[in-house]
Amino acid sequence: MTGDHDTGSQADRGRRRLLAGLCALGAAHATGVLASDRRAPGVFTATDVHPKDYPTVAAVRWIGETLERETNGRLRIRMYHAGQLGRESETLEMARYGAIDFARVYTGALNNAFPLTRALCMPFAFDSTEHQRRVHDGKVGAEVLRGFETRGVVGLALYDSGPRCFYNTRRPLHSPRDLAGLKIRVPPSDIFIELIGLLGGNPTPLPIGQVFSALETHLIDGAENNIRSFHASRHFETARYWSQTGHSYAPDALLVSKRTLDGLSRSDRVLLLDASRESVKVMRRLWDASEAEARRALAEAGIQSNTVDGPSFRKAAEPLVRELLRDPALRALHAAIRDAAG
């Protein structure tokens, strides 16, 4: 697994240079969009790759409404949804340097830059959504959020997004051997790339926006995500098999530029932090309702859903878990996560 050190292979350095270039392009695009809006004092910018009705987008919009109401319009948030300001990796960099104020980012894409997020992405760390929410609301969630402050952003909230499972165009997956030969889209995360390999699939990193066409053209055979995203993205129109593995509960993180937070008065800072914490309840309520609706709609669409041999998937993932637990900080967080399972 690739680490977070400055040393690395030539390929690793090449990927970092490529990412830097992409971020520069994204920042240039964002600067043009934001300049065209003539940003006014007190108007914060927020970005999300999800569509306008997605629970995380709605939760951040709720924060903005709260700020606007409590300050008589002095503070508010302008939301750029559906990836208008670029990919998550790009918007994270823009938030770090203050080009935008808020970014909602999937933690799987944060593992290298913010190592503590790996604890929340480890395979089979959580048993259920209820288990995950207890952890997010406790000391582990607070420690992971504090870990963001090392690189120019501040963690405001963790938004859970259900269990991640496999879907594909070929067949039901009952055990890891059913993944053999399948090209599975993964997010740009070392954990997920290595996990798919251990389970017997061929990991194929792709931006989420390219998955639909990749499924249609058979560039990939399947992907893994939560059921709400599987439905909202309409990937089910091509991938007709859903396998309930629950192999990860990797959440989303809401981040604010440290420059933005430091520029607020003490009372405004407290207001923002309180509203962000309360937004988790808003997001969860919307998430639970939308997840139930997605399950209903997928059943009506005739998607074949199956349970899996959970122990066989856990056993196949054990080498990755052992490797991650060599890190003392991750070992302590993982132990606390497992202690909260009961």
Protein backbone atom coordinates (compact mmCIF):
# COMPACT_ATOMS: atom_id res chain seq x y z
CA MET A 1 0.00 0.00 0.00
CA THR A 2 1.24 3.46 -0.86
CA GLY A 3 2.05 5.57 2.20
CA ASP A 4 2.10 9.30 2.95
CA HIS A 5 5.84 9.82 2.89
CA ASP A 6 7.74 12.19 0.62
CA THR A 7 9.69 9.29 -0.81
CA GLY A 8 8.09 6.99 -3.36
CA SER A 9 8.31 5.52 -6.80
CA GLN A 10 8.69 7.54 -9.96
CA ALA A 11 5.10 6.61 -10.80
CA ASP A 12 3.93 7.96 -7.43
CA ARG A 13 5.73 11.25 -8.04
CA GLY A 14 4.23 11.41 -11.51
CA ARG A 15 0.75 10.96 -10.11
CA ARG A 16 1.36 13.73 -7.59
CA ARG A 17 2.55 16.08 -10.35
CA LEU A 18 -0.52 15.21 -12.41
CA LEU A 19 -2.81 15.88 -9.42
CA ALA A 20 -1.11 19.23 -8.82
CA GLY A 21 -1.75 20.17 -12.42
CA LEU A 22 -5.38 19.11 -12.24
CA CYS A 23 -5.87 21.11 -9.06
CA ALA A 24 -4.37 24.17 -10.73
CA LEU A 25 -6.80 23.80 -13.63
CA GLY A 26 -9.69 23.30 -11.22
CA ALA A 27 -8.69 26.37 -9.22
CA ALA A 28 -8.53 28.43 -12.41
CA HIS A 29 -12.01 27.24 -13.40
CA ALA A 30 -13.39 27.96 -9.92
CA THR A 31 -11.81 31.40 -9.88
CA GLY A 32 -13.58 32.24 -13.11
CA VAL A 33 -16.93 30.98 -11.86
CA LEU A 34 -16.60 32.76 -8.53
CA ALA A 35 -15.40 35.99 -10.15
CA SER A 36 -18.41 35.94 -12.45
CA ASP A 37 -20.63 35.85 -9.37
CA ARG A 38 -18.87 38.90 -7.85
CA ARG A 39 -18.60 37.37 -4.39
CA ALA A 40 -19.88 39.74 -1.72
CA PRO A 41 -18.61 40.01 1.85
CA GLY A 42 -20.25 37.42 4.04
CA VAL A 43 -21.09 35.10 1.13
CA PHE A 44 -19.29 31.78 1.55
CA THR A 45 -18.79 29.28 -1.26
CA ALA A 46 -19.49 25.57 -0.81
CA THR A 47 -19.06 22.72 -3.26
CA ASP A 48 -20.28 19.16 -3.67
CA VAL A 49 -20.09 16.74 -6.60
CA HIS A 50 -23.58 15.41 -5.83
CA PRO A 51 -26.82 16.78 -7.35
CA LYS A 52 -28.88 19.48 -5.68
CA ASP A 53 -31.30 17.11 -3.92
CA TYR A 54 -28.57 14.91 -2.40
CA PRO A 55 -28.65 14.80 1.46
CA THR A 56 -25.15 16.25 1.88
CA VAL A 57 -25.98 19.16 -0.43
CA ALA A 58 -29.22 19.78 1.46
CA ALA A 59 -27.41 19.64 4.82
CA VAL A 60 -24.88 22.30 3.80
CA ARG A 61 -27.68 24.40 2.36
CA TRP A 62 -29.38 24.11 5.77
CA ILE A 63 -26.20 25.43 7.43
CA GLY A 64 -26.35 28.41 5.09
CA GLU A 65 -30.00 29.06 5.91
CA THR A 66 -29.18 28.90 9.61
CA LEU A 67 -26.31 31.37 9.26
CA GLU A 68 -28.46 33.72 7.21
CA ARG A 69 -31.33 33.59 9.71
CA GLU A 70 -29.18 33.99 12.82
CA THR A 71 -27.16 36.91 11.38
CA ASN A 72 -30.06 38.72 9.68
CA GLY A 73 -28.56 38.00 6.28
CA ARG A 74 -25.02 39.09 7.09
CA LEU A 75 -23.64 35.56 6.47
CA ARG A 76 -24.85 33.02 3.93
CA ILE A 77 -23.59 30.15 1.77
CA ARG A 78 -23.66 29.87 -2.00
CA MET A 79 -23.74 26.19 -2.93
CA TYR A 80 -22.13 24.90 -6.14
CA HIS A 81 -23.49 21.37 -6.49
CA ALA A 82 -23.06 18.69 -9.17
CA GLY A 83 -19.30 19.23 -9.45
CA GLN A 84 -19.55 22.78 -10.82
CA LEU A 85 -16.18 23.66 -9.25
CA GLY A 86 -14.39 20.42 -10.13
CA ARG A 87 -13.64 17.03 -8.68
CA GLU A 88 -13.35 16.42 -4.96
CA SER A 89 -9.54 16.27 -5.01
CA GLU A 90 -9.45 19.64 -6.74
CA THR A 91 -11.96 21.33 -4.44
CA LEU A 92 -10.09 20.06 -1.39
CA GLU A 93 -6.95 21.83 -2.59
CA MET A 94 -8.94 24.97 -3.30
CA ALA A 95 -10.33 24.93 0.24
CA ARG A 96 -6.85 24.43 1.69
CA TYR A 97 -5.67 27.62 0.02
CA GLY A 98 -8.83 29.63 0.61
CA ALA A 99 -10.08 29.78 -2.99
CA ILE A 100 -13.38 28.32 -1.73
CA ASP A 101 -14.75 28.09 1.79
CA PHE A 102 -16.48 24.70 2.21
CA ALA A 103 -15.88 21.33 0.54
CA ARG A 104 -17.75 18.10 1.07
CA VAL A 105 -15.28 15.29 0.32
CA TYR A 106 -15.51 11.49 0.43
CA THR A 107 -13.08 10.20 3.06
CA GLY A 108 -11.79 7.44 0.79
CA ALA A 109 -10.12 10.16 -1.27
CA LEU A 110 -8.53 11.68 1.86
CA ASN A 111 -6.63 8.68 3.22
CA ASN A 112 -3.16 9.69 2.09
CA ALA A 113 -3.40 13.37 2.99
CA PHE A 114 -5.20 12.75 6.30
CA PRO A 115 -4.14 9.30 7.59
CA LEU A 116 -6.64 9.12 10.46
CA THR A 117 -9.49 8.91 7.94
CA ARG A 118 -8.29 5.38 7.15
CA ALA A 119 -9.83 4.20 10.40
CA LEU A 120 -13.28 5.10 9.06
CA CYS A 121 -12.65 3.44 5.68
CA MET A 122 -11.16 0.14 6.81
CA PRO A 123 -12.99 -2.91 5.48
CA PHE A 124 -15.56 -4.41 7.83
CA ALA A 125 -14.75 -1.97 10.65
CA PHE A 126 -18.46 -1.23 11.19
CA ASP A 127 -21.33 -3.64 11.70
CA SER A 128 -24.21 -1.31 10.90
CA THR A 129 -25.22 2.28 10.30
CA GLU A 130 -26.20 2.56 13.97
CA HIS A 131 -22.73 1.40 14.99
CA GLN A 132 -21.12 3.89 12.64
CA ARG A 133 -23.20 6.79 13.92
CA ARG A 134 -22.27 6.03 17.53
CA VAL A 135 -18.62 6.20 16.53
CA HIS A 136 -18.99 9.41 14.55
CA ASP A 137 -20.75 11.07 17.48
CA GLY A 138 -18.07 10.01 19.96
CA LYS A 139 -14.36 10.40 20.61
CA VAL A 140 -13.23 8.64 17.43
CA GLY A 141 -15.22 10.99 15.21
CA ALA A 142 -13.88 14.01 17.10
CA GLU A 143 -10.29 12.80 16.77
CA VAL A 144 -10.61 12.23 13.03
CA LEU A 145 -12.12 15.69 12.56
CA ARG A 146 -9.25 17.27 14.53
CA GLY A 147 -6.79 15.51 12.23
CA PHE A 148 -7.82 17.70 9.30
CA GLU A 149 -6.31 20.81 10.90
CA THR A 150 -2.78 19.75 9.96
CA ARG A 151 -3.22 20.78 6.33
CA GLY A 152 -5.15 24.01 6.01
CA VAL A 153 -8.71 22.83 6.59
CA VAL A 154 -10.92 22.19 9.61
CA GLY A 155 -13.27 19.23 9.90
CA LEU A 156 -16.82 20.37 10.64
CA ALA A 157 -18.88 17.18 10.36
CA LEU A 158 -18.91 13.56 9.30
CA TYR A 159 -21.84 12.59 7.08
CA ASP A 160 -22.40 8.83 6.96
CA SER A 161 -23.66 7.38 3.72
CA GLY A 162 -24.64 3.79 4.39
CA PRO A 163 -22.83 0.55 3.65
CA ARG A 164 -20.88 0.30 0.42
CA CYS A 165 -21.72 -2.79 -1.62
CA PHE A 166 -20.95 -4.22 -5.05
CA TYR A 167 -23.04 -3.95 -8.20
CA ASN A 168 -22.18 -5.31 -11.63
CA THR A 169 -23.42 -6.21 -15.10
CA ARG A 170 -22.46 -9.88 -15.06
CA ARG A 171 -23.68 -11.97 -12.11
CA PRO A 172 -24.61 -12.13 -8.42
CA LEU A 173 -21.61 -12.07 -6.07
CA HIS A 174 -21.92 -14.53 -3.21
CA SER A 175 -18.25 -14.92 -2.26
CA PRO A 176 -14.93 -13.36 -3.34
CA ARG A 177 -14.42 -16.01 -6.00
CA ASP A 178 -17.37 -14.51 -7.90
CA LEU A 179 -15.35 -11.31 -8.35
CA ALA A 180 -12.65 -13.13 -10.31
CA GLY A 181 -12.00 -11.42 -13.63
CA LEU A 182 -14.40 -8.53 -13.03
CA LYS A 183 -13.17 -4.99 -13.60
CA ILE A 184 -14.50 -3.01 -10.65
CA ARG A 185 -14.46 0.77 -10.48
CA VAL A 186 -12.96 2.10 -7.26
CA PRO A 187 -12.42 5.65 -5.96
CA PRO A 188 -8.82 6.93 -6.03
CA SER A 189 -7.99 5.35 -2.67
CA ASP A 190 -5.19 2.92 -1.85
CA ILE A 191 -7.44 1.08 0.60
CA PHE A 192 -10.12 0.38 -1.99
CA ILE A 193 -7.65 -0.47 -4.74
CA GLU A 194 -5.92 -3.03 -2.53
CA LEU A 195 -9.20 -4.38 -1.15
CA ILE A 196 -10.64 -5.15 -4.58
CA GLY A 197 -7.42 -6.92 -5.52
CA LEU A 198 -7.53 -9.07 -2.39
CA LEU A 199 -11.15 -9.97 -3.12
CA GLY A 200 -10.15 -11.20 -6.56
CA GLY A 201 -11.38 -8.36 -8.76
CA ASN A 202 -9.46 -6.03 -11.05
CA PRO A 203 -9.57 -2.54 -9.44
CA THR A 204 -10.12 0.26 -11.93
CA PRO A 205 -9.85 3.80 -10.49
CA LEU A 206 -12.25 6.21 -12.21
CA PRO A 207 -13.96 9.49 -11.34
CA ILE A 208 -17.55 8.87 -10.33
CA GLY A 209 -18.80 10.92 -13.26
CA GLN A 210 -17.29 8.44 -15.74
CA VAL A 211 -18.83 5.29 -14.27
CA PHE A 212 -22.11 5.34 -16.21
CA SER A 213 -20.45 5.44 -19.64
CA ALA A 214 -17.79 2.95 -18.49
CA LEU A 215 -20.50 0.45 -17.58
CA GLU A 216 -22.30 1.01 -20.87
CA THR A 217 -19.15 0.54 -22.94
CA HIS A 218 -17.91 -2.42 -20.85
CA LEU A 219 -14.77 -0.59 -19.82
CA ILE A 220 -15.72 -1.86 -16.36
CA ASP A 221 -18.01 -4.66 -15.21
CA GLY A 222 -19.15 -3.07 -12.00
CA ALA A 223 -18.47 -0.75 -9.10
CA GLU A 224 -19.05 -0.38 -5.37
CA ASN A 225 -21.02 2.33 -3.65
CA ASN A 226 -23.98 2.95 -1.37
CA ILE A 227 -27.44 2.05 -2.60
CA ARG A 228 -28.66 5.64 -2.72
CA SER A 229 -25.87 6.62 -5.11
CA PHE A 230 -26.40 3.43 -7.14
CA HIS A 231 -29.98 4.56 -7.72
CA ALA A 232 -29.42 8.32 -8.10
CA SER A 233 -26.61 7.81 -10.64
CA ARG A 234 -28.85 5.48 -12.67
CA HIS A 235 -26.05 2.92 -12.81
CA PHE A 236 -28.76 0.30 -12.20
CA GLU A 237 -29.95 0.77 -15.79
CA THR A 238 -26.88 -1.21 -16.89
CA ALA A 239 -25.66 -2.97 -13.74
CA ARG A 240 -28.56 -5.22 -12.75
CA TYR A 241 -26.91 -7.16 -9.91
CA TRP A 242 -26.60 -5.74 -6.39
CA SER A 243 -24.68 -7.75 -3.75
CA GLN A 244 -25.05 -6.64 -0.13
CA THR A 245 -21.44 -6.94 1.06
CA GLY A 246 -21.29 -3.89 3.37
CA HIS A 247 -17.51 -4.06 3.00
CA SER A 248 -17.01 -0.42 4.00
CA TYR A 249 -18.93 2.41 5.66
CA ALA A 250 -16.53 5.14 4.54
CA PRO A 251 -18.28 8.46 5.24
CA ASP A 252 -18.13 11.95 3.79
CA ALA A 253 -16.43 14.86 5.55
CA LEU A 254 -17.53 18.48 5.52
CA LEU A 255 -14.44 20.70 5.59
CA VAL A 256 -13.96 24.45 5.88
CA SER A 257 -10.90 26.42 4.89
CA LYS A 258 -8.88 27.30 7.97
CA ARG A 259 -8.42 30.76 6.49
CA THR A 260 -12.19 31.20 6.40
CA LEU A 261 -12.70 29.97 9.95
CA ASP A 262 -9.84 32.07 11.32
CA GLY A 263 -11.34 35.14 9.67
CA LEU A 264 -14.61 34.87 11.59
CA SER A 265 -15.39 36.60 14.84
CA ARG A 266 -15.64 34.36 17.88
CA SER A 267 -19.44 34.47 17.90
CA ASP A 268 -19.69 33.71 14.17
CA ARG A 269 -17.24 30.85 14.56
CA VAL A 270 -19.33 29.33 17.36
CA LEU A 271 -22.48 29.75 15.27
CA LEU A 272 -20.90 27.97 12.30
CA LEU A 273 -19.53 25.10 14.38
CA ASP A 274 -22.87 24.59 16.15
CA ALA A 275 -24.82 24.70 12.88
CA SER A 276 -22.43 22.19 11.31
CA ARG A 277 -22.93 19.74 14.16
CA GLU A 278 -26.71 20.13 13.94
CA SER A 279 -26.58 19.60 10.17
CA VAL A 280 -25.59 15.98 10.80
CA LYS A 281 -29.10 15.31 12.11
CA VAL A 282 -30.58 16.97 9.04
CA MET A 283 -28.40 14.90 6.74
CA ARG A 284 -29.21 11.64 8.52
CA ARG A 285 -32.95 12.22 8.37
CA LEU A 286 -32.79 12.97 4.66
CA TRP A 287 -30.39 10.09 4.07
CA ASP A 288 -32.58 7.48 5.76
CA ALA A 289 -35.62 8.59 3.78
CA SER A 290 -33.77 8.65 0.45
CA GLU A 291 -32.13 5.27 1.10
CA ALA A 292 -35.52 3.68 1.75
CA GLU A 293 -36.89 5.24 -1.42
CA ALA A 294 -33.91 3.97 -3.42
CA ARG A 295 -34.46 0.40 -2.20
CA ARG A 296 -38.14 0.58 -3.16
CA ALA A 297 -37.41 2.00 -6.61
CA LEU A 298 -34.68 -0.54 -7.33
CA ALA A 299 -36.95 -3.42 -6.35
CA GLU A 300 -39.62 -2.08 -8.70
CA ALA A 301 -36.99 -1.82 -11.45
CA GLY A 302 -36.26 -5.54 -11.09
CA ILE A 303 -32.72 -5.27 -9.75
CA GLN A 304 -31.46 -8.63 -8.51
CA SER A 305 -30.27 -8.22 -4.92
CA ASN A 306 -28.55 -10.90 -2.89
CA THR A 307 -26.91 -11.43 0.47
CA VAL A 308 -23.33 -12.73 0.57
CA ASP A 309 -21.09 -15.07 2.52
CA GLY A 310 -19.84 -12.37 4.87
CA PRO A 311 -17.11 -14.43 6.61
CA SER A 312 -15.45 -15.26 3.28
CA PHE A 313 -15.23 -11.57 2.36
CA ARG A 314 -13.85 -10.65 5.79
CA LYS A 315 -11.23 -13.38 5.59
CA ALA A 316 -10.08 -12.21 2.16
CA ALA A 317 -9.70 -8.65 3.49
CA GLU A 318 -7.65 -9.65 6.56
CA PRO A 319 -4.19 -8.98 5.03
CA LEU A 320 -5.18 -5.37 4.35
CA VAL A 321 -6.60 -4.91 7.85
CA ARG A 322 -3.43 -6.35 9.42
CA GLU A 323 -1.28 -3.99 7.36
CA LEU A 324 -3.32 -0.95 8.37
CA LEU A 325 -3.25 -1.92 12.04
CA ARG A 326 0.55 -1.75 12.06
CA ASP A 327 0.03 1.98 12.53
CA PRO A 328 -0.42 2.57 16.30
CA ALA A 329 -2.82 5.48 15.78
CA LEU A 330 -5.06 3.44 13.49
CA ARG A 331 -4.85 0.47 15.84
CA ALA A 332 -6.13 2.57 18.73
CA LEU A 333 -8.96 4.07 16.67
CA HIS A 334 -9.95 0.67 15.29
CA ALA A 335 -10.06 -0.80 18.79
CA ALA A 336 -12.36 2.02 19.90
CA ILE A 337 -14.57 1.45 16.84
CA ARG A 338 -14.89 -2.24 17.62
CA ASP A 339 -15.56 -1.52 21.30
CA ALA A 340 -18.56 0.55 20.21
CA ALA A 341 -20.03 -2.32 18.20
CA GLY A 342 -22.10 -3.65 21.08
